[in-house]
Amino acid sequence: MPNKRSAEKAVRQNVRRTMRNKAVRDNITYLRRKFKLALASGDRAVATEAYQHAQVALDRAAQKGILKDNTVSRLKSRAATKLKALS
């Protein structure tokens, strides 16, 4: 339990930030799953579109500091390799 008003405010801010970051991470997980399903279907056009959506979300998360740059780079690289192997 915080003892000062500034500590109480910090707790409130932390809760809001945690919820926002979790929503972004959940969306990235959803988009990556969608890309994986598109790869499994074998349709290159659908997979390319899903890859682009996932790439934008990953870049935005890295820009906002929700995910580390190297993590985003690794995920994008692996997805691009799988997309390239589809053709």
PDB file of N, CA and C in Angstrom:
ATOM      1  N   MET A   1       0.844  -1.175   0.000  1.00  0.00           N
ATOM      2  CA  MET A   1       0.000   0.000   0.000  1.00  0.00           C
ATOM      3  C   MET A   1       0.893   1.243   0.000  1.00  0.00           C
ATOM      4  N   PRO A   2       0.722   2.119  -0.986  1.00  0.00           N
ATOM      5  CA  PRO A   2       1.568   3.310  -1.046  1.00  0.00           C
ATOM      6  C   PRO A   2       1.232   4.288   0.083  1.00  0.00           C
ATOM      7  N   ASN A   3       2.249   4.966   0.551  1.00  0.00           N
ATOM      8  CA  ASN A   3       2.081   5.899   1.674  1.00  0.00           C
ATOM      9  C   ASN A   3       1.973   7.348   1.227  1.00  0.00           C
ATOM     10  N   LYS A   4       2.376   7.650   0.008  1.00  0.00           N
ATOM     11  CA  LYS A   4       2.359   9.033  -0.462  1.00  0.00           C
ATOM     12  C   LYS A   4       1.449   9.154  -1.680  1.00  0.00           C
ATOM     13  N   ARG A   5       0.975  10.379  -1.902  1.00  0.00           N
ATOM     14  CA  ARG A   5       0.086  10.610  -3.046  1.00  0.00           C
ATOM     15  C   ARG A   5       0.794  10.329  -4.362  1.00  0.00           C
ATOM     16  N   SER A   6       2.057  10.681  -4.454  1.00  0.00           N
ATOM     17  CA  SER A   6       2.799  10.439  -5.689  1.00  0.00           C
ATOM     18  C   SER A   6       2.944   8.940  -5.945  1.00  0.00           C
ATOM     19  N   ALA A   7       3.097   8.165  -4.879  1.00  0.00           N
ATOM     20  CA  ALA A   7       3.198   6.711  -5.025  1.00  0.00           C
ATOM     21  C   ALA A   7       1.852   6.127  -5.462  1.00  0.00           C
ATOM     22  N   GLU A   8       0.759   6.677  -4.951  1.00  0.00           N
ATOM     23  CA  GLU A   8      -0.569   6.222  -5.371  1.00  0.00           C
ATOM     24  C   GLU A   8      -0.779   6.487  -6.861  1.00  0.00           C
ATOM     25  N   LYS A   9      -0.364   7.669  -7.303  1.00  0.00           N
ATOM     26  CA  LYS A   9      -0.493   8.019  -8.713  1.00  0.00           C
ATOM     27  C   LYS A   9       0.371   7.091  -9.566  1.00  0.00           C
ATOM     28  N   ALA A  10       1.560   6.782  -9.093  1.00  0.00           N
ATOM     29  CA  ALA A  10       2.453   5.887  -9.833  1.00  0.00           C
ATOM     30  C   ALA A  10       1.824   4.506  -9.987  1.00  0.00           C
ATOM     31  N   VAL A  11       1.134   4.047  -8.971  1.00  0.00           N
ATOM     32  CA  VAL A  11       0.448   2.749  -9.048  1.00  0.00           C
ATOM     33  C   VAL A  11      -0.655   2.799 -10.101  1.00  0.00           C
ATOM     34  N   ARG A  12      -1.426   3.888 -10.102  1.00  0.00           N
ATOM     35  CA  ARG A  12      -2.497   4.027 -11.093  1.00  0.00           C
ATOM     36  C   ARG A  12      -1.921   4.063 -12.507  1.00  0.00           C
ATOM     37  N   GLN A  13      -0.835   4.809 -12.698  1.00  0.00           N
ATOM     38  CA  GLN A  13      -0.212   4.888 -14.016  1.00  0.00           C
ATOM     39  C   GLN A  13       0.316   3.530 -14.458  1.00  0.00           C
ATOM     40  N   ASN A  14       0.892   2.805 -13.520  1.00  0.00           N
ATOM     41  CA  ASN A  14       1.439   1.489 -13.836  1.00  0.00           C
ATOM     42  C   ASN A  14       0.339   0.532 -14.293  1.00  0.00           C
ATOM     43  N   VAL A  15      -0.813   0.602 -13.657  1.00  0.00           N
ATOM     44  CA  VAL A  15      -1.936  -0.263 -14.044  1.00  0.00           C
ATOM     45  C   VAL A  15      -2.395   0.072 -15.458  1.00  0.00           C
ATOM     46  N   ARG A  16      -2.528   1.381 -15.753  1.00  0.00           N
ATOM     47  CA  ARG A  16      -2.958   1.788 -17.091  1.00  0.00           C
ATOM     48  C   ARG A  16      -1.955   1.355 -18.153  1.00  0.00           C
ATOM     49  N   ARG A  17      -0.679   1.564 -17.888  1.00  0.00           N
ATOM     50  CA  ARG A  17       0.357   1.192 -18.856  1.00  0.00           C
ATOM     51  C   ARG A  17       0.399  -0.314 -19.073  1.00  0.00           C
ATOM     52  N   THR A  18       0.249  -1.070 -18.001  1.00  0.00           N
ATOM     53  CA  THR A  18       0.254  -2.524 -18.112  1.00  0.00           C
ATOM     54  C   THR A  18      -0.895  -2.997 -18.989  1.00  0.00           C
ATOM     55  N   MET A  19      -2.076  -2.429 -18.794  1.00  0.00           N
ATOM     56  CA  MET A  19      -3.236  -2.814 -19.599  1.00  0.00           C
ATOM     57  C   MET A  19      -3.015  -2.465 -21.067  1.00  0.00           C
ATOM     58  N   ARG A  20      -2.460  -1.291 -21.336  1.00  0.00           N
ATOM     59  CA  ARG A  20      -2.216  -0.855 -22.705  1.00  0.00           C
ATOM     60  C   ARG A  20      -1.182  -1.755 -23.385  1.00  0.00           C
ATOM     61  N   ASN A  21      -0.090  -2.045 -22.678  1.00  0.00           N
ATOM     62  CA  ASN A  21       0.950  -2.898 -23.246  1.00  0.00           C
ATOM     63  C   ASN A  21       0.447  -4.312 -23.486  1.00  0.00           C
ATOM     64  N   LYS A  22      -0.383  -4.812 -22.579  1.00  0.00           N
ATOM     65  CA  LYS A  22      -0.937  -6.155 -22.742  1.00  0.00           C
ATOM     66  C   LYS A  22      -1.838  -6.212 -23.966  1.00  0.00           C
ATOM     67  N   ALA A  23      -2.602  -5.162 -24.197  1.00  0.00           N
ATOM     68  CA  ALA A  23      -3.473  -5.127 -25.372  1.00  0.00           C
ATOM     69  C   ALA A  23      -2.642  -5.158 -26.652  1.00  0.00           C
ATOM     70  N   VAL A  24      -1.542  -4.435 -26.672  1.00  0.00           N
ATOM     71  CA  VAL A  24      -0.680  -4.421 -27.862  1.00  0.00           C
ATOM     72  C   VAL A  24      -0.070  -5.798 -28.082  1.00  0.00           C
ATOM     73  N   ARG A  25       0.432  -6.418 -27.006  1.00  0.00           N
ATOM     74  CA  ARG A  25       1.034  -7.746 -27.125  1.00  0.00           C
ATOM     75  C   ARG A  25       0.008  -8.783 -27.580  1.00  0.00           C
ATOM     76  N   ASP A  26      -1.204  -8.697 -27.045  1.00  0.00           N
ATOM     77  CA  ASP A  26      -2.260  -9.629 -27.456  1.00  0.00           C
ATOM     78  C   ASP A  26      -2.584  -9.467 -28.933  1.00  0.00           C
ATOM     79  N   ASN A  27      -2.614  -8.232 -29.409  1.00  0.00           N
ATOM     80  CA  ASN A  27      -2.890  -7.982 -30.816  1.00  0.00           C
ATOM     81  C   ASN A  27      -1.777  -8.562 -31.690  1.00  0.00           C
ATOM     82  N   ILE A  28      -0.537  -8.424 -31.266  1.00  0.00           N
ATOM     83  CA  ILE A  28       0.583  -8.987 -32.020  1.00  0.00           C
ATOM     84  C   ILE A  28       0.474 -10.508 -32.061  1.00  0.00           C
ATOM     85  N   THR A  29       0.127 -11.108 -30.947  1.00  0.00           N
ATOM     86  CA  THR A  29      -0.048 -12.564 -30.915  1.00  0.00           C
ATOM     87  C   THR A  29      -1.140 -12.991 -31.889  1.00  0.00           C
ATOM     88  N   TYR A  30      -2.234 -12.246 -31.914  1.00  0.00           N
ATOM     89  CA  TYR A  30      -3.331 -12.546 -32.827  1.00  0.00           C
ATOM     90  C   TYR A  30      -2.874 -12.440 -34.283  1.00  0.00           C
ATOM     91  N   LEU A  31      -2.152 -11.373 -34.613  1.00  0.00           N
ATOM     92  CA  LEU A  31      -1.704 -11.176 -35.992  1.00  0.00           C
ATOM     93  C   LEU A  31      -0.688 -12.238 -36.413  1.00  0.00           C
ATOM     94  N   ARG A  32       0.180 -12.647 -35.484  1.00  0.00           N
ATOM     95  CA  ARG A  32       1.143 -13.703 -35.809  1.00  0.00           C
ATOM     96  C   ARG A  32       0.431 -15.034 -36.039  1.00  0.00           C
ATOM     97  N   ARG A  33      -0.591 -15.306 -35.249  1.00  0.00           N
ATOM     98  CA  ARG A  33      -1.368 -16.539 -35.427  1.00  0.00           C
ATOM     99  C   ARG A  33      -2.098 -16.510 -36.776  1.00  0.00           C
ATOM    100  N   LYS A  34      -2.627 -15.340 -37.118  1.00  0.00           N
ATOM    101  CA  LYS A  34      -3.317 -15.185 -38.395  1.00  0.00           C
ATOM    102  C   LYS A  34      -2.355 -15.422 -39.558  1.00  0.00           C
ATOM    103  N   PHE A  35      -1.121 -14.919 -39.445  1.00  0.00           N
ATOM    104  CA  PHE A  35      -0.098 -15.136 -40.469  1.00  0.00           C
ATOM    105  C   PHE A  35       0.247 -16.618 -40.578  1.00  0.00           C
ATOM    106  N   LYS A  36       0.353 -17.275 -39.442  1.00  0.00           N
ATOM    107  CA  LYS A  36       0.680 -18.706 -39.441  1.00  0.00           C
ATOM    108  C   LYS A  36      -0.416 -19.513 -40.138  1.00  0.00           C
ATOM    109  N   LEU A  37      -1.665 -19.161 -39.892  1.00  0.00           N
ATOM    110  CA  LEU A  37      -2.781 -19.847 -40.552  1.00  0.00           C
ATOM    111  C   LEU A  37      -2.789 -19.561 -42.055  1.00  0.00           C
ATOM    112  N   ALA A  38      -2.434 -18.342 -42.425  1.00  0.00           N
ATOM    113  CA  ALA A  38      -2.369 -17.986 -43.844  1.00  0.00           C
ATOM    114  C   ALA A  38      -1.269 -18.782 -44.538  1.00  0.00           C
ATOM    115  N   LEU A  39      -0.155 -18.996 -43.864  1.00  0.00           N
ATOM    116  CA  LEU A  39       0.913 -19.825 -44.432  1.00  0.00           C
ATOM    117  C   LEU A  39       0.438 -21.261 -44.612  1.00  0.00           C
ATOM    118  N   ALA A  40      -0.294 -21.762 -43.631  1.00  0.00           N
ATOM    119  CA  ALA A  40      -0.780 -23.139 -43.695  1.00  0.00           C
ATOM    120  C   ALA A  40      -1.779 -23.322 -44.834  1.00  0.00           C
ATOM    121  N   SER A  41      -2.522 -22.271 -45.166  1.00  0.00           N
ATOM    122  CA  SER A  41      -3.497 -22.377 -46.246  1.00  0.00           C
ATOM    123  C   SER A  41      -2.813 -22.452 -47.609  1.00  0.00           C
ATOM    124  N   GLY A  42      -1.596 -21.908 -47.699  1.00  0.00           N
ATOM    125  CA  GLY A  42      -0.844 -21.968 -48.942  1.00  0.00           C
ATOM    126  C   GLY A  42      -1.135 -20.837 -49.912  1.00  0.00           C
ATOM    127  N   ASP A  43      -2.002 -19.914 -49.538  1.00  0.00           N
ATOM    128  CA  ASP A  43      -2.341 -18.788 -50.418  1.00  0.00           C
ATOM    129  C   ASP A  43      -1.344 -17.654 -50.183  1.00  0.00           C
ATOM    130  N   ARG A  44      -0.525 -17.377 -51.184  1.00  0.00           N
ATOM    131  CA  ARG A  44       0.544 -16.385 -51.024  1.00  0.00           C
ATOM    132  C   ARG A  44      -0.010 -14.969 -50.828  1.00  0.00           C
ATOM    133  N   ALA A  45      -1.086 -14.618 -51.508  1.00  0.00           N
ATOM    134  CA  ALA A  45      -1.640 -13.267 -51.384  1.00  0.00           C
ATOM    135  C   ALA A  45      -2.146 -13.008 -49.971  1.00  0.00           C
ATOM    136  N   VAL A  46      -2.854 -13.971 -49.421  1.00  0.00           N
ATOM    137  CA  VAL A  46      -3.380 -13.818 -48.058  1.00  0.00           C
ATOM    138  C   VAL A  46      -2.238 -13.779 -47.051  1.00  0.00           C
ATOM    139  N   ALA A  47      -1.231 -14.618 -47.262  1.00  0.00           N
ATOM    140  CA  ALA A  47      -0.088 -14.658 -46.356  1.00  0.00           C
ATOM    141  C   ALA A  47       0.696 -13.349 -46.409  1.00  0.00           C
ATOM    142  N   THR A  48       0.841 -12.777 -47.600  1.00  0.00           N
ATOM    143  CA  THR A  48       1.558 -11.517 -47.734  1.00  0.00           C
ATOM    144  C   THR A  48       0.825 -10.396 -47.008  1.00  0.00           C
ATOM    145  N   GLU A  49      -0.481 -10.361 -47.154  1.00  0.00           N
ATOM    146  CA  GLU A  49      -1.269  -9.333 -46.462  1.00  0.00           C
ATOM    147  C   GLU A  49      -1.172  -9.502 -44.948  1.00  0.00           C
ATOM    148  N   ALA A  50      -1.256 -10.740 -44.467  1.00  0.00           N
ATOM    149  CA  ALA A  50      -1.148 -10.998 -43.029  1.00  0.00           C
ATOM    150  C   ALA A  50       0.236 -10.622 -42.515  1.00  0.00           C
ATOM    151  N   TYR A  51       1.258 -10.896 -43.322  1.00  0.00           N
ATOM    152  CA  TYR A  51       2.629 -10.535 -42.943  1.00  0.00           C
ATOM    153  C   TYR A  51       2.767  -9.012 -42.814  1.00  0.00           C
ATOM    154  N   GLN A  52       2.200  -8.283 -43.749  1.00  0.00           N
ATOM    155  CA  GLN A  52       2.304  -6.826 -43.708  1.00  0.00           C
ATOM    156  C   GLN A  52       1.625  -6.251 -42.465  1.00  0.00           C
ATOM    157  N   HIS A  53       0.457  -6.790 -42.114  1.00  0.00           N
ATOM    158  CA  HIS A  53      -0.243  -6.314 -40.921  1.00  0.00           C
ATOM    159  C   HIS A  53       0.581  -6.603 -39.663  1.00  0.00           C
ATOM    160  N   ALA A  54       1.151  -7.795 -39.599  1.00  0.00           N
ATOM    161  CA  ALA A  54       1.962  -8.162 -38.439  1.00  0.00           C
ATOM    162  C   ALA A  54       3.216  -7.290 -38.366  1.00  0.00           C
ATOM    163  N   GLN A  55       3.811  -7.016 -39.515  1.00  0.00           N
ATOM    164  CA  GLN A  55       5.037  -6.214 -39.557  1.00  0.00           C
ATOM    165  C   GLN A  55       4.770  -4.796 -39.042  1.00  0.00           C
ATOM    166  N   VAL A  56       3.678  -4.207 -39.446  1.00  0.00           N
ATOM    167  CA  VAL A  56       3.335  -2.854 -38.989  1.00  0.00           C
ATOM    168  C   VAL A  56       3.122  -2.841 -37.481  1.00  0.00           C
ATOM    169  N   ALA A  57       2.409  -3.837 -36.973  1.00  0.00           N
ATOM    170  CA  ALA A  57       2.148  -3.889 -35.533  1.00  0.00           C
ATOM    171  C   ALA A  57       3.441  -4.090 -34.747  1.00  0.00           C
ATOM    172  N   LEU A  58       4.327  -4.930 -35.253  1.00  0.00           N
ATOM    173  CA  LEU A  58       5.600  -5.152 -34.578  1.00  0.00           C
ATOM    174  C   LEU A  58       6.449  -3.883 -34.567  1.00  0.00           C
ATOM    175  N   ASP A  59       6.509  -3.197 -35.699  1.00  0.00           N
ATOM    176  CA  ASP A  59       7.283  -1.957 -35.768  1.00  0.00           C
ATOM    177  C   ASP A  59       6.739  -0.907 -34.810  1.00  0.00           C
ATOM    178  N   ARG A  60       5.439  -0.820 -34.724  1.00  0.00           N
ATOM    179  CA  ARG A  60       4.818   0.153 -33.820  1.00  0.00           C
ATOM    180  C   ARG A  60       5.128  -0.186 -32.364  1.00  0.00           C
ATOM    181  N   ALA A  61       5.100  -1.478 -32.031  1.00  0.00           N
ATOM    182  CA  ALA A  61       5.405  -1.889 -30.662  1.00  0.00           C
ATOM    183  C   ALA A  61       6.855  -1.584 -30.311  1.00  0.00           C
ATOM    184  N   ALA A  62       7.752  -1.763 -31.269  1.00  0.00           N
ATOM    185  CA  ALA A  62       9.159  -1.446 -31.025  1.00  0.00           C
ATOM    186  C   ALA A  62       9.352   0.057 -30.864  1.00  0.00           C
ATOM    187  N   GLN A  63       8.651   0.817 -31.655  1.00  0.00           N
ATOM    188  CA  GLN A  63       8.765   2.270 -31.597  1.00  0.00           C
ATOM    189  C   GLN A  63       8.288   2.801 -30.247  1.00  0.00           C
ATOM    190  N   LYS A  64       7.253   2.183 -29.697  1.00  0.00           N
ATOM    191  CA  LYS A  64       6.713   2.630 -28.425  1.00  0.00           C
ATOM    192  C   LYS A  64       7.430   2.010 -27.224  1.00  0.00           C
ATOM    193  N   GLY A  65       8.370   1.096 -27.490  1.00  0.00           N
ATOM    194  CA  GLY A  65       9.131   0.503 -26.403  1.00  0.00           C
ATOM    195  C   GLY A  65       8.446  -0.657 -25.722  1.00  0.00           C
ATOM    196  N   ILE A  66       7.409  -1.191 -26.321  1.00  0.00           N
ATOM    197  CA  ILE A  66       6.693  -2.315 -25.726  1.00  0.00           C
ATOM    198  C   ILE A  66       7.472  -3.606 -25.943  1.00  0.00           C
ATOM    199  N   LEU A  67       8.072  -3.744 -27.117  1.00  0.00           N
ATOM    200  CA  LEU A  67       8.953  -4.869 -27.419  1.00  0.00           C
ATOM    201  C   LEU A  67      10.332  -4.315 -27.759  1.00  0.00           C
ATOM    202  N   LYS A  68      11.348  -5.117 -27.498  1.00  0.00           N
ATOM    203  CA  LYS A  68      12.707  -4.683 -27.817  1.00  0.00           C
ATOM    204  C   LYS A  68      12.936  -4.760 -29.316  1.00  0.00           C
ATOM    205  N   ASP A  69      13.835  -3.915 -29.791  1.00  0.00           N
ATOM    206  CA  ASP A  69      14.120  -3.838 -31.224  1.00  0.00           C
ATOM    207  C   ASP A  69      14.618  -5.164 -31.782  1.00  0.00           C
ATOM    208  N   ASN A  70      15.509  -5.824 -31.063  1.00  0.00           N
ATOM    209  CA  ASN A  70      16.047  -7.092 -31.547  1.00  0.00           C
ATOM    210  C   ASN A  70      14.975  -8.178 -31.605  1.00  0.00           C
ATOM    211  N   THR A  71      14.049  -8.156 -30.669  1.00  0.00           N
ATOM    212  CA  THR A  71      12.952  -9.122 -30.672  1.00  0.00           C
ATOM    213  C   THR A  71      12.098  -8.927 -31.911  1.00  0.00           C
ATOM    214  N   VAL A  72      11.772  -7.689 -32.201  1.00  0.00           N
ATOM    215  CA  VAL A  72      10.952  -7.381 -33.368  1.00  0.00           C
ATOM    216  C   VAL A  72      11.691  -7.770 -34.641  1.00  0.00           C
ATOM    217  N   SER A  73      12.964  -7.472 -34.704  1.00  0.00           N
ATOM    218  CA  SER A  73      13.763  -7.814 -35.871  1.00  0.00           C
ATOM    219  C   SER A  73      13.787  -9.328 -36.083  1.00  0.00           C
ATOM    220  N   ARG A  74      13.965 -10.074 -35.022  1.00  0.00           N
ATOM    221  CA  ARG A  74      13.995 -11.536 -35.114  1.00  0.00           C
ATOM    222  C   ARG A  74      12.659 -12.093 -35.602  1.00  0.00           C
ATOM    223  N   LEU A  75      11.561 -11.597 -35.044  1.00  0.00           N
ATOM    224  CA  LEU A  75      10.235 -12.090 -35.427  1.00  0.00           C
ATOM    225  C   LEU A  75       9.929 -11.772 -36.888  1.00  0.00           C
ATOM    226  N   LYS A  76      10.275 -10.566 -37.311  1.00  0.00           N
ATOM    227  CA  LYS A  76      10.029 -10.172 -38.703  1.00  0.00           C
ATOM    228  C   LYS A  76      10.884 -10.992 -39.660  1.00  0.00           C
ATOM    229  N   SER A  77      12.119 -11.234 -39.287  1.00  0.00           N
ATOM    230  CA  SER A  77      13.025 -11.998 -40.141  1.00  0.00           C
ATOM    231  C   SER A  77      12.523 -13.427 -40.333  1.00  0.00           C
ATOM    232  N   ARG A  78      12.112 -14.053 -39.250  1.00  0.00           N
ATOM    233  CA  ARG A  78      11.623 -15.428 -39.332  1.00  0.00           C
ATOM    234  C   ARG A  78      10.331 -15.506 -40.150  1.00  0.00           C
ATOM    235  N   ALA A  79       9.475 -14.525 -39.975  1.00  0.00           N
ATOM    236  CA  ALA A  79       8.232 -14.507 -40.751  1.00  0.00           C
ATOM    237  C   ALA A  79       8.519 -14.298 -42.223  1.00  0.00           C
ATOM    238  N   ALA A  80       9.456 -13.425 -42.551  1.00  0.00           N
ATOM    239  CA  ALA A  80       9.799 -13.173 -43.955  1.00  0.00           C
ATOM    240  C   ALA A  80      10.404 -14.422 -44.592  1.00  0.00           C
ATOM    241  N   THR A  81      11.214 -15.144 -43.838  1.00  0.00           N
ATOM    242  CA  THR A  81      11.813 -16.387 -44.353  1.00  0.00           C
ATOM    243  C   THR A  81      10.722 -17.405 -44.678  1.00  0.00           C
ATOM    244  N   LYS A  82       9.746 -17.525 -43.796  1.00  0.00           N
ATOM    245  CA  LYS A  82       8.644 -18.471 -44.033  1.00  0.00           C
ATOM    246  C   LYS A  82       7.799 -18.047 -45.219  1.00  0.00           C
ATOM    247  N   LEU A  83       7.593 -16.742 -45.356  1.00  0.00           N
ATOM    248  CA  LEU A  83       6.821 -16.234 -46.491  1.00  0.00           C
ATOM    249  C   LEU A  83       7.555 -16.507 -47.796  1.00  0.00           C
ATOM    250  N   LYS A  84       8.849 -16.290 -47.805  1.00  0.00           N
ATOM    251  CA  LYS A  84       9.647 -16.525 -49.002  1.00  0.00           C
ATOM    252  C   LYS A  84       9.655 -18.008 -49.389  1.00  0.00           C
ATOM    253  N   ALA A  85       9.672 -18.878 -48.398  1.00  0.00           N
ATOM    254  CA  ALA A  85       9.682 -20.324 -48.645  1.00  0.00           C
ATOM    255  C   ALA A  85       8.347 -20.804 -49.220  1.00  0.00           C
ATOM    256  N   LEU A  86       7.299 -20.006 -49.033  1.00  0.00           N
ATOM    257  CA  LEU A  86       5.973 -20.400 -49.525  1.00  0.00           C
ATOM    258  C   LEU A  86       5.901 -20.399 -51.050  1.00  0.00           C
ATOM    259  N   SER A  87       6.673 -19.515 -51.691  1.00  0.00           N
ATOM    260  CA  SER A  87       6.571 -19.404 -53.143  1.00  0.00           C
ATOM    261  C   SER A  87       7.382 -20.433 -53.894  1.00  0.00           C
TER     262      SER A  87
END
